[in-house]
Amino acid sequence: MKKIFLILALFQLFFCISQNENKKLINCIFKQTKKIEIYAFLELTKWEGEKRYMIYNKGKVVAISFPEKYLRNKIILNKKQIKKLKNSLVATDDYIDERADCYFPRHTIVFYNKEDKILGYIELCFGCFNSYATKNLKFLEDSMLFQQKLFEEFGITYLTDTKEEEENYSKLAEKRSLELKSKFNNKNE
């Protein structure tokens, strides 16, 4: 029985240390952060042609730009909203242990420093509970996926495809399929 209590006490201690460490990391990144932008965009697989929206220099993201026709919302958080996001992230101790196999991000949150340079970013797919973050923001991936309601409160209105977008994509997919069949048939003749 003593062993069980000892194991539980150790587990609780490690959990508290982990939570405290996460809080320190959040405080650290938010001290460096001057500006945060949130983008909502059409799912990347539905883009025609251009697939890149990140501009790299020497392996680092130096700019993020979305073609206007795919951008649905863009919000620059004010100081009050940044503080609210920070507090919400500190308060979120949920962990995601199961994720869907799909990954169709529709949101990106970008952190900028005082020189207006990108500190890092996190792509989010609220639908399948998956995300991708730059190395320095990996510790925020799970807790950021629990911020959908807060994003909505900040003004993000685009969370899933509209009916019109679904119809347009179905037509585009059909057109692409016919083009591929035509190319395949021409090669076999």
N, C-alpha and C. Protein backbone atom coordinates (compact mmCIF):
# COMPACT_ATOMS: atom_id res chain seq x y z
N MET A 1 0.82 -1.19 0.00
CA MET A 1 0.00 0.00 0.00
C MET A 1 0.87 1.26 0.00
N LYS A 2 1.97 1.20 0.77
CA LYS A 2 2.88 2.35 0.83
C LYS A 2 3.50 2.61 -0.54
N LYS A 3 3.78 1.52 -1.28
CA LYS A 3 4.36 1.67 -2.61
C LYS A 3 3.40 2.41 -3.54
N ILE A 4 2.13 2.09 -3.43
CA ILE A 4 1.12 2.75 -4.27
C ILE A 4 1.07 4.24 -3.97
N PHE A 5 1.05 4.59 -2.67
CA PHE A 5 1.04 6.00 -2.29
C PHE A 5 2.30 6.71 -2.76
N LEU A 6 3.43 6.03 -2.66
CA LEU A 6 4.70 6.61 -3.10
C LEU A 6 4.68 6.85 -4.61
N ILE A 7 4.18 5.88 -5.35
CA ILE A 7 4.09 6.02 -6.81
C ILE A 7 3.14 7.16 -7.17
N LEU A 8 1.99 7.23 -6.50
CA LEU A 8 1.05 8.32 -6.76
C LEU A 8 1.65 9.68 -6.42
N ALA A 9 2.36 9.75 -5.32
CA ALA A 9 3.00 11.01 -4.91
C ALA A 9 4.06 11.44 -5.93
N LEU A 10 4.85 10.49 -6.40
CA LEU A 10 5.87 10.80 -7.41
C LEU A 10 5.22 11.26 -8.72
N PHE A 11 4.17 10.57 -9.12
CA PHE A 11 3.45 10.95 -10.34
C PHE A 11 2.92 12.37 -10.22
N GLN A 12 2.31 12.69 -9.08
CA GLN A 12 1.76 14.03 -8.86
C GLN A 12 2.88 15.07 -8.87
N LEU A 13 4.01 14.75 -8.28
CA LEU A 13 5.16 15.66 -8.26
C LEU A 13 5.64 15.95 -9.68
N PHE A 14 5.82 14.89 -10.48
CA PHE A 14 6.27 15.08 -11.86
C PHE A 14 5.25 15.86 -12.68
N PHE A 15 3.96 15.62 -12.43
CA PHE A 15 2.91 16.35 -13.13
C PHE A 15 2.98 17.83 -12.78
N CYS A 16 3.16 18.16 -11.51
CA CYS A 16 3.26 19.56 -11.07
C CYS A 16 4.50 20.23 -11.67
N ILE A 17 5.61 19.52 -11.68
CA ILE A 17 6.84 20.06 -12.26
C ILE A 17 6.63 20.33 -13.75
N SER A 18 5.99 19.39 -14.43
CA SER A 18 5.71 19.54 -15.86
C SER A 18 4.82 20.74 -16.12
N GLN A 19 3.76 20.89 -15.32
CA GLN A 19 2.86 22.04 -15.48
C GLN A 19 3.60 23.34 -15.24
N ASN A 20 4.43 23.38 -14.22
CA ASN A 20 5.20 24.57 -13.89
C ASN A 20 6.17 24.91 -15.02
N GLU A 21 6.81 23.89 -15.60
CA GLU A 21 7.74 24.09 -16.71
C GLU A 21 7.01 24.66 -17.92
N ASN A 22 5.82 24.12 -18.21
CA ASN A 22 5.02 24.59 -19.33
C ASN A 22 4.65 26.06 -19.13
N LYS A 23 4.27 26.42 -17.92
CA LYS A 23 3.92 27.81 -17.61
C LYS A 23 5.12 28.72 -17.84
N LYS A 24 6.31 28.27 -17.45
CA LYS A 24 7.53 29.06 -17.66
C LYS A 24 7.79 29.26 -19.15
N LEU A 25 7.63 28.19 -19.93
CA LEU A 25 7.84 28.28 -21.37
C LEU A 25 6.84 29.25 -22.02
N ILE A 26 5.58 29.17 -21.58
CA ILE A 26 4.56 30.08 -22.11
C ILE A 26 4.92 31.52 -21.76
N ASN A 27 5.28 31.77 -20.52
CA ASN A 27 5.68 33.12 -20.11
C ASN A 27 6.87 33.62 -20.93
N CYS A 28 7.82 32.75 -21.17
CA CYS A 28 9.02 33.11 -21.92
C CYS A 28 8.67 33.51 -23.36
N ILE A 29 7.88 32.69 -24.04
CA ILE A 29 7.56 33.00 -25.44
C ILE A 29 6.70 34.26 -25.53
N PHE A 30 5.80 34.46 -24.57
CA PHE A 30 4.94 35.64 -24.62
C PHE A 30 5.71 36.92 -24.25
N LYS A 31 6.79 36.80 -23.49
CA LYS A 31 7.64 37.97 -23.22
C LYS A 31 8.33 38.43 -24.49
N GLN A 32 8.66 37.49 -25.35
CA GLN A 32 9.33 37.81 -26.62
C GLN A 32 8.35 38.28 -27.69
N THR A 33 7.07 38.02 -27.48
CA THR A 33 6.05 38.26 -28.51
C THR A 33 5.52 39.69 -28.46
N LYS A 34 5.57 40.34 -29.62
CA LYS A 34 5.03 41.69 -29.75
C LYS A 34 3.67 41.66 -30.46
N LYS A 35 3.54 40.72 -31.41
CA LYS A 35 2.33 40.67 -32.23
C LYS A 35 1.98 39.22 -32.52
N ILE A 36 0.67 38.94 -32.59
CA ILE A 36 0.18 37.61 -32.97
C ILE A 36 -0.89 37.79 -34.04
N GLU A 37 -0.74 37.03 -35.12
CA GLU A 37 -1.74 37.03 -36.19
C GLU A 37 -2.36 35.64 -36.27
N ILE A 38 -3.66 35.62 -36.53
CA ILE A 38 -4.36 34.35 -36.75
C ILE A 38 -4.95 34.40 -38.15
N TYR A 39 -4.66 33.36 -38.93
CA TYR A 39 -5.18 33.24 -40.29
C TYR A 39 -6.14 32.06 -40.35
N ALA A 40 -7.24 32.25 -41.07
CA ALA A 40 -8.14 31.15 -41.41
C ALA A 40 -8.17 31.10 -42.93
N PHE A 41 -8.01 29.90 -43.48
CA PHE A 41 -7.88 29.79 -44.93
C PHE A 41 -8.51 28.50 -45.43
N LEU A 42 -8.78 28.48 -46.72
CA LEU A 42 -9.32 27.29 -47.37
C LEU A 42 -8.30 26.16 -47.23
N GLU A 43 -8.79 24.99 -46.95
CA GLU A 43 -7.93 23.81 -46.80
C GLU A 43 -6.94 23.72 -47.97
N LEU A 44 -5.68 23.47 -47.65
CA LEU A 44 -4.60 23.52 -48.65
C LEU A 44 -4.80 22.58 -49.83
N THR A 45 -5.43 21.43 -49.63
CA THR A 45 -5.63 20.49 -50.73
C THR A 45 -6.59 21.03 -51.78
N LYS A 46 -7.30 22.08 -51.44
CA LYS A 46 -8.28 22.65 -52.37
C LYS A 46 -7.74 23.87 -53.10
N TRP A 47 -6.48 24.18 -52.88
CA TRP A 47 -5.86 25.29 -53.59
C TRP A 47 -5.49 24.84 -55.00
N GLU A 48 -5.62 25.75 -55.94
CA GLU A 48 -5.21 25.47 -57.32
C GLU A 48 -3.80 26.02 -57.52
N GLY A 49 -2.90 25.19 -57.93
CA GLY A 49 -1.55 25.67 -58.23
C GLY A 49 -0.71 25.94 -57.00
N GLU A 50 -0.72 27.21 -56.54
CA GLU A 50 0.19 27.57 -55.46
C GLU A 50 -0.13 26.82 -54.18
N LYS A 51 0.91 26.22 -53.63
CA LYS A 51 0.76 25.45 -52.40
C LYS A 51 1.50 26.09 -51.25
N ARG A 52 2.49 26.88 -51.53
CA ARG A 52 3.31 27.48 -50.48
C ARG A 52 2.71 28.80 -50.03
N TYR A 53 2.67 28.97 -48.75
CA TYR A 53 2.31 30.28 -48.22
C TYR A 53 3.36 30.77 -47.24
N MET A 54 4.42 30.00 -47.09
CA MET A 54 5.53 30.38 -46.22
C MET A 54 6.74 30.71 -47.09
N ILE A 55 7.42 31.78 -46.74
CA ILE A 55 8.62 32.18 -47.46
C ILE A 55 9.81 31.92 -46.55
N TYR A 56 10.78 31.15 -47.05
CA TYR A 56 11.93 30.72 -46.25
C TYR A 56 13.20 31.45 -46.67
N ASN A 57 14.08 31.62 -45.70
CA ASN A 57 15.43 32.12 -45.95
C ASN A 57 16.35 31.36 -45.00
N LYS A 58 17.28 30.61 -45.57
CA LYS A 58 18.23 29.80 -44.78
C LYS A 58 17.50 28.87 -43.80
N GLY A 59 16.42 28.27 -44.27
CA GLY A 59 15.70 27.29 -43.47
C GLY A 59 14.74 27.86 -42.44
N LYS A 60 14.65 29.18 -42.35
CA LYS A 60 13.74 29.81 -41.39
C LYS A 60 12.61 30.51 -42.12
N VAL A 61 11.42 30.44 -41.55
CA VAL A 61 10.28 31.15 -42.12
C VAL A 61 10.47 32.64 -41.84
N VAL A 62 10.50 33.44 -42.91
CA VAL A 62 10.69 34.88 -42.74
C VAL A 62 9.42 35.67 -43.07
N ALA A 63 8.48 35.03 -43.76
CA ALA A 63 7.22 35.70 -44.09
C ALA A 63 6.14 34.66 -44.33
N ILE A 64 4.92 35.07 -44.06
CA ILE A 64 3.76 34.22 -44.33
C ILE A 64 2.79 35.05 -45.14
N SER A 65 2.39 34.50 -46.26
CA SER A 65 1.51 35.23 -47.17
C SER A 65 0.50 34.26 -47.77
N PHE A 66 -0.74 34.65 -47.76
CA PHE A 66 -1.80 33.81 -48.32
C PHE A 66 -2.37 34.46 -49.57
N PRO A 67 -2.56 33.68 -50.64
CA PRO A 67 -3.28 34.23 -51.79
C PRO A 67 -4.66 34.69 -51.32
N GLU A 68 -5.03 35.87 -51.71
CA GLU A 68 -6.28 36.49 -51.25
C GLU A 68 -7.50 35.59 -51.46
N LYS A 69 -7.51 34.85 -52.58
CA LYS A 69 -8.70 34.04 -52.87
C LYS A 69 -8.87 32.86 -51.91
N TYR A 70 -7.82 32.51 -51.16
CA TYR A 70 -7.91 31.40 -50.21
C TYR A 70 -8.02 31.86 -48.76
N LEU A 71 -7.72 33.11 -48.52
CA LEU A 71 -7.76 33.65 -47.16
C LEU A 71 -9.21 33.96 -46.77
N ARG A 72 -9.64 33.46 -45.62
CA ARG A 72 -11.02 33.67 -45.17
C ARG A 72 -11.10 34.68 -44.03
N ASN A 73 -10.17 34.64 -43.11
CA ASN A 73 -10.09 35.61 -42.01
C ASN A 73 -8.62 35.87 -41.70
N LYS A 74 -8.34 37.10 -41.30
CA LYS A 74 -7.01 37.44 -40.77
C LYS A 74 -7.26 38.40 -39.61
N ILE A 75 -6.70 38.04 -38.47
CA ILE A 75 -6.90 38.86 -37.28
C ILE A 75 -5.54 39.14 -36.65
N ILE A 76 -5.31 40.39 -36.31
CA ILE A 76 -4.13 40.76 -35.53
C ILE A 76 -4.63 41.01 -34.11
N LEU A 77 -4.14 40.22 -33.18
CA LEU A 77 -4.61 40.34 -31.80
C LEU A 77 -4.10 41.62 -31.15
N ASN A 78 -4.98 42.26 -30.38
CA ASN A 78 -4.55 43.42 -29.60
C ASN A 78 -3.92 42.92 -28.29
N LYS A 79 -3.39 43.84 -27.49
CA LYS A 79 -2.68 43.44 -26.26
C LYS A 79 -3.58 42.68 -25.30
N LYS A 80 -4.83 43.12 -25.21
CA LYS A 80 -5.78 42.45 -24.31
C LYS A 80 -6.04 41.00 -24.78
N GLN A 81 -6.18 40.82 -26.09
CA GLN A 81 -6.42 39.48 -26.64
C GLN A 81 -5.19 38.59 -26.48
N ILE A 82 -4.00 39.16 -26.65
CA ILE A 82 -2.76 38.39 -26.45
C ILE A 82 -2.69 37.89 -25.02
N LYS A 83 -3.02 38.77 -24.08
CA LYS A 83 -3.00 38.38 -22.67
C LYS A 83 -4.04 37.29 -22.39
N LYS A 84 -5.21 37.43 -23.01
CA LYS A 84 -6.27 36.43 -22.82
C LYS A 84 -5.84 35.07 -23.39
N LEU A 85 -5.20 35.09 -24.54
CA LEU A 85 -4.70 33.85 -25.14
C LEU A 85 -3.65 33.21 -24.23
N LYS A 86 -2.72 34.02 -23.75
CA LYS A 86 -1.68 33.51 -22.85
C LYS A 86 -2.30 32.86 -21.62
N ASN A 87 -3.23 33.56 -20.98
CA ASN A 87 -3.88 33.03 -19.78
C ASN A 87 -4.64 31.74 -20.08
N SER A 88 -5.28 31.68 -21.22
CA SER A 88 -6.01 30.47 -21.61
C SER A 88 -5.06 29.30 -21.84
N LEU A 89 -3.92 29.57 -22.46
CA LEU A 89 -2.93 28.52 -22.69
C LEU A 89 -2.35 28.01 -21.38
N VAL A 90 -2.09 28.93 -20.44
CA VAL A 90 -1.57 28.54 -19.12
C VAL A 90 -2.59 27.67 -18.39
N ALA A 91 -3.87 28.01 -18.53
CA ALA A 91 -4.94 27.29 -17.82
C ALA A 91 -5.27 25.94 -18.47
N THR A 92 -4.87 25.75 -19.71
CA THR A 92 -5.18 24.51 -20.43
C THR A 92 -4.12 23.47 -20.12
N ASP A 93 -4.55 22.41 -19.45
CA ASP A 93 -3.60 21.33 -19.16
C ASP A 93 -4.02 20.03 -19.83
N ASP A 94 -4.91 20.15 -20.81
CA ASP A 94 -5.36 18.97 -21.53
C ASP A 94 -4.25 18.46 -22.45
N TYR A 95 -4.26 17.17 -22.64
CA TYR A 95 -3.29 16.52 -23.51
C TYR A 95 -4.07 15.67 -24.51
N ILE A 96 -3.64 15.68 -25.75
CA ILE A 96 -4.31 14.90 -26.78
C ILE A 96 -3.53 13.60 -26.97
N ASP A 97 -4.18 12.49 -26.64
CA ASP A 97 -3.48 11.22 -26.79
C ASP A 97 -3.86 10.49 -28.07
N GLU A 98 -4.98 10.83 -28.66
CA GLU A 98 -5.37 10.21 -29.93
C GLU A 98 -5.68 11.29 -30.94
N ARG A 99 -5.10 11.13 -32.11
CA ARG A 99 -5.31 12.09 -33.19
C ARG A 99 -5.78 11.33 -34.43
N ALA A 100 -6.51 12.04 -35.26
CA ALA A 100 -6.95 11.44 -36.52
C ALA A 100 -5.74 11.32 -37.45
N ASP A 101 -5.83 10.44 -38.42
CA ASP A 101 -4.74 10.27 -39.39
C ASP A 101 -4.69 11.40 -40.40
N CYS A 102 -5.82 12.07 -40.60
CA CYS A 102 -5.85 13.15 -41.59
C CYS A 102 -5.18 14.40 -41.03
N TYR A 103 -4.88 15.32 -41.92
CA TYR A 103 -4.34 16.61 -41.50
C TYR A 103 -4.66 17.62 -42.59
N PHE A 104 -5.69 18.41 -42.36
CA PHE A 104 -6.12 19.44 -43.30
C PHE A 104 -6.23 20.77 -42.57
N PRO A 105 -5.10 21.41 -42.28
CA PRO A 105 -5.14 22.64 -41.48
C PRO A 105 -5.89 23.76 -42.19
N ARG A 106 -6.62 24.52 -41.40
CA ARG A 106 -7.34 25.69 -41.91
C ARG A 106 -6.97 26.95 -41.14
N HIS A 107 -6.11 26.80 -40.14
CA HIS A 107 -5.74 27.95 -39.30
C HIS A 107 -4.25 27.94 -39.02
N THR A 108 -3.68 29.12 -39.01
CA THR A 108 -2.28 29.29 -38.63
C THR A 108 -2.20 30.47 -37.68
N ILE A 109 -1.49 30.29 -36.59
CA ILE A 109 -1.26 31.38 -35.63
C ILE A 109 0.23 31.68 -35.66
N VAL A 110 0.55 32.95 -35.88
CA VAL A 110 1.94 33.37 -36.08
C VAL A 110 2.35 34.33 -34.97
N PHE A 111 3.49 34.05 -34.36
CA PHE A 111 4.05 34.88 -33.29
C PHE A 111 5.20 35.72 -33.87
N TYR A 112 5.17 37.03 -33.60
CA TYR A 112 6.22 37.95 -34.05
C TYR A 112 6.92 38.56 -32.85
N ASN A 113 8.22 38.85 -33.01
CA ASN A 113 8.97 39.50 -31.94
C ASN A 113 8.90 41.02 -32.07
N LYS A 114 9.63 41.71 -31.24
CA LYS A 114 9.61 43.17 -31.22
C LYS A 114 10.15 43.79 -32.50
N GLU A 115 10.99 43.06 -33.23
CA GLU A 115 11.52 43.54 -34.52
C GLU A 115 10.60 43.15 -35.68
N ASP A 116 9.42 42.64 -35.37
CA ASP A 116 8.42 42.21 -36.35
C ASP A 116 8.92 41.03 -37.19
N LYS A 117 9.79 40.21 -36.61
CA LYS A 117 10.26 38.99 -37.27
C LYS A 117 9.51 37.81 -36.67
N ILE A 118 9.29 36.80 -37.49
CA ILE A 118 8.53 35.63 -37.06
C ILE A 118 9.32 34.83 -36.03
N LEU A 119 8.72 34.66 -34.85
CA LEU A 119 9.29 33.80 -33.81
C LEU A 119 8.99 32.34 -34.12
N GLY A 120 7.78 32.10 -34.62
CA GLY A 120 7.34 30.75 -34.92
C GLY A 120 5.86 30.76 -35.27
N TYR A 121 5.36 29.61 -35.66
CA TYR A 121 3.95 29.50 -36.01
C TYR A 121 3.43 28.12 -35.67
N ILE A 122 2.10 28.04 -35.59
CA ILE A 122 1.44 26.75 -35.36
C ILE A 122 0.30 26.65 -36.36
N GLU A 123 0.28 25.57 -37.14
CA GLU A 123 -0.85 25.26 -38.02
C GLU A 123 -1.80 24.38 -37.24
N LEU A 124 -3.10 24.62 -37.42
CA LEU A 124 -4.09 23.87 -36.65
C LEU A 124 -5.18 23.29 -37.55
N CYS A 125 -5.55 22.07 -37.23
CA CYS A 125 -6.73 21.45 -37.84
C CYS A 125 -7.65 21.08 -36.68
N PHE A 126 -8.62 21.94 -36.41
CA PHE A 126 -9.55 21.68 -35.31
C PHE A 126 -10.42 20.46 -35.60
N GLY A 127 -10.65 20.18 -36.89
CA GLY A 127 -11.50 19.06 -37.28
C GLY A 127 -10.93 17.71 -36.90
N CYS A 128 -9.63 17.52 -37.11
CA CYS A 128 -9.03 16.21 -36.80
C CYS A 128 -8.10 16.27 -35.59
N PHE A 129 -8.05 17.42 -34.95
CA PHE A 129 -7.23 17.61 -33.74
C PHE A 129 -5.77 17.31 -34.00
N ASN A 130 -5.26 17.84 -35.10
CA ASN A 130 -3.86 17.70 -35.45
C ASN A 130 -3.26 19.08 -35.62
N SER A 131 -1.95 19.15 -35.49
CA SER A 131 -1.28 20.44 -35.61
C SER A 131 0.17 20.23 -36.02
N TYR A 132 0.77 21.33 -36.44
CA TYR A 132 2.20 21.35 -36.73
C TYR A 132 2.74 22.67 -36.19
N ALA A 133 3.85 22.62 -35.49
CA ALA A 133 4.44 23.83 -34.93
C ALA A 133 5.93 23.87 -35.22
N THR A 134 6.44 25.09 -35.31
CA THR A 134 7.89 25.24 -35.39
C THR A 134 8.47 24.71 -34.08
N LYS A 135 9.73 24.34 -34.12
CA LYS A 135 10.38 23.67 -32.99
C LYS A 135 10.19 24.43 -31.67
N ASN A 136 10.32 25.76 -31.72
CA ASN A 136 10.24 26.56 -30.49
C ASN A 136 8.83 26.69 -29.93
N LEU A 137 7.81 26.27 -30.69
CA LEU A 137 6.42 26.35 -30.20
C LEU A 137 5.77 24.98 -30.05
N LYS A 138 6.54 23.91 -30.19
CA LYS A 138 6.00 22.54 -30.07
C LYS A 138 5.23 22.35 -28.76
N PHE A 139 5.71 22.95 -27.69
CA PHE A 139 5.08 22.78 -26.38
C PHE A 139 3.67 23.36 -26.32
N LEU A 140 3.29 24.18 -27.31
CA LEU A 140 1.95 24.79 -27.35
C LEU A 140 0.96 24.04 -28.24
N GLU A 141 1.43 23.07 -29.00
CA GLU A 141 0.57 22.40 -29.99
C GLU A 141 -0.74 21.89 -29.40
N ASP A 142 -0.67 21.06 -28.37
CA ASP A 142 -1.90 20.48 -27.82
C ASP A 142 -2.81 21.54 -27.22
N SER A 143 -2.27 22.41 -26.39
CA SER A 143 -3.12 23.41 -25.73
C SER A 143 -3.72 24.39 -26.74
N MET A 144 -3.02 24.64 -27.85
CA MET A 144 -3.57 25.55 -28.86
C MET A 144 -4.79 24.94 -29.54
N LEU A 145 -4.84 23.61 -29.64
CA LEU A 145 -5.99 22.96 -30.26
C LEU A 145 -7.26 23.08 -29.42
N PHE A 146 -7.13 23.50 -28.18
CA PHE A 146 -8.30 23.70 -27.32
C PHE A 146 -8.76 25.16 -27.31
N GLN A 147 -8.26 25.97 -28.24
CA GLN A 147 -8.56 27.41 -28.25
C GLN A 147 -9.56 27.82 -29.32
N GLN A 148 -10.27 26.87 -29.91
CA GLN A 148 -11.20 27.20 -31.00
C GLN A 148 -12.23 28.24 -30.57
N LYS A 149 -12.83 28.08 -29.41
CA LYS A 149 -13.85 29.04 -28.93
C LYS A 149 -13.23 30.42 -28.77
N LEU A 150 -12.01 30.48 -28.29
CA LEU A 150 -11.32 31.75 -28.12
C LEU A 150 -11.04 32.39 -29.49
N PHE A 151 -10.64 31.59 -30.46
CA PHE A 151 -10.44 32.11 -31.82
C PHE A 151 -11.75 32.73 -32.34
N GLU A 152 -12.85 32.04 -32.10
CA GLU A 152 -14.16 32.56 -32.52
C GLU A 152 -14.46 33.87 -31.81
N GLU A 153 -14.16 33.92 -30.53
CA GLU A 153 -14.38 35.15 -29.75
C GLU A 153 -13.54 36.30 -30.32
N PHE A 154 -12.34 35.99 -30.80
CA PHE A 154 -11.47 37.01 -31.38
C PHE A 154 -11.94 37.45 -32.76
N GLY A 155 -12.84 36.68 -33.39
CA GLY A 155 -13.38 37.08 -34.68
C GLY A 155 -13.15 36.11 -35.82
N ILE A 156 -12.57 34.96 -35.55
CA ILE A 156 -12.41 33.95 -36.60
C ILE A 156 -13.78 33.32 -36.84
N THR A 157 -14.27 33.45 -38.06
CA THR A 157 -15.59 32.92 -38.39
C THR A 157 -15.51 31.69 -39.29
N TYR A 158 -14.37 31.49 -39.92
CA TYR A 158 -14.21 30.38 -40.85
C TYR A 158 -13.63 29.17 -40.14
N LEU A 159 -14.45 28.14 -39.98
CA LEU A 159 -14.00 26.92 -39.30
C LEU A 159 -14.12 25.69 -40.18
N THR A 160 -15.08 25.67 -41.07
CA THR A 160 -15.24 24.56 -42.02
C THR A 160 -15.63 25.14 -43.37
N ASP A 161 -15.54 24.31 -44.40
CA ASP A 161 -15.90 24.76 -45.74
C ASP A 161 -17.37 25.14 -45.81
N THR A 162 -17.65 26.15 -46.60
CA THR A 162 -19.04 26.53 -46.84
C THR A 162 -19.62 25.55 -47.87
N LYS A 163 -20.93 25.56 -48.01
CA LYS A 163 -21.59 24.68 -48.97
C LYS A 163 -21.10 25.00 -50.39
N GLU A 164 -20.97 26.29 -50.69
CA GLU A 164 -20.49 26.71 -52.01
C GLU A 164 -19.06 26.21 -52.27
N GLU A 165 -18.20 26.27 -51.26
CA GLU A 165 -16.82 25.78 -51.42
C GLU A 165 -16.81 24.28 -51.66
N GLU A 166 -17.67 23.55 -50.97
CA GLU A 166 -17.77 22.10 -51.17
C GLU A 166 -18.17 21.79 -52.61
N GLU A 167 -19.18 22.52 -53.12
CA GLU A 167 -19.64 22.30 -54.49
C GLU A 167 -18.55 22.64 -55.50
N ASN A 168 -17.88 23.78 -55.29
CA ASN A 168 -16.80 24.18 -56.20
C ASN A 168 -15.67 23.16 -56.21
N TYR A 169 -15.33 22.65 -55.04
CA TYR A 169 -14.25 21.67 -54.97
C TYR A 169 -14.66 20.36 -55.64
N SER A 170 -15.90 19.96 -55.49
CA SER A 170 -16.37 18.74 -56.16
C SER A 170 -16.24 18.87 -57.67
N LYS A 171 -16.60 20.05 -58.19
CA LYS A 171 -16.47 20.29 -59.63
C LYS A 171 -15.00 20.27 -60.05
N LEU A 172 -14.15 20.90 -59.26
CA LEU A 172 -12.72 20.94 -59.56
C LEU A 172 -12.12 19.53 -59.52
N ALA A 173 -12.49 18.75 -58.53
CA ALA A 173 -11.98 17.37 -58.40
C ALA A 173 -12.41 16.53 -59.60
N GLU A 174 -13.66 16.73 -60.04
CA GLU A 174 -14.16 16.00 -61.21
C GLU A 174 -13.37 16.40 -62.45
N LYS A 175 -13.12 17.70 -62.60
CA LYS A 175 -12.35 18.20 -63.75
C LYS A 175 -10.94 17.61 -63.74
N ARG A 176 -10.29 17.61 -62.59
CA ARG A 176 -8.93 17.05 -62.48
C ARG A 176 -8.93 15.55 -62.82
N SER A 177 -9.94 14.86 -62.38
CA SER A 177 -10.05 13.42 -62.66
C SER A 177 -10.16 13.17 -64.16
N LEU A 178 -10.99 13.97 -64.84
CA LEU A 178 -11.15 13.83 -66.29
C LEU A 178 -9.84 14.13 -67.02
N GLU A 179 -9.11 15.16 -66.55
CA GLU A 179 -7.83 15.50 -67.17
C GLU A 179 -6.83 14.36 -67.01
N LEU A 180 -6.80 13.76 -65.84
CA LEU A 180 -5.88 12.63 -65.61
C LEU A 180 -6.24 11.43 -66.48
N LYS A 181 -7.54 11.15 -66.59
CA LYS A 181 -7.99 10.04 -67.43
C LYS A 181 -7.60 10.28 -68.88
N SER A 182 -7.77 11.53 -69.32
CA SER A 182 -7.43 11.89 -70.70
C SER A 182 -5.93 11.70 -70.95
N LYS A 183 -5.10 12.16 -70.03
CA LYS A 183 -3.64 11.99 -70.16
C LYS A 183 -3.28 10.51 -70.18
N PHE A 184 -3.89 9.74 -69.33
CA PHE A 184 -3.61 8.31 -69.26
C PHE A 184 -4.02 7.62 -70.55
N ASN A 185 -5.20 7.96 -71.07
CA ASN A 185 -5.69 7.35 -72.32
C ASN A 185 -4.80 7.73 -73.49
N ASN A 186 -4.32 8.98 -73.53
CA ASN A 186 -3.45 9.43 -74.62
C ASN A 186 -2.11 8.70 -74.60
N LYS A 187 -1.60 8.38 -73.42
CA LYS A 187 -0.32 7.66 -73.31
C LYS A 187 -0.47 6.21 -73.78
N ASN A 188 -1.65 5.65 -73.60
CA ASN A 188 -1.87 4.24 -73.95
C ASN A 188 -2.23 4.04 -75.42
N GLU A 189 -2.43 5.11 -76.15
CA GLU A 189 -2.82 4.97 -77.56
C GLU A 189 -1.64 4.90 -78.48
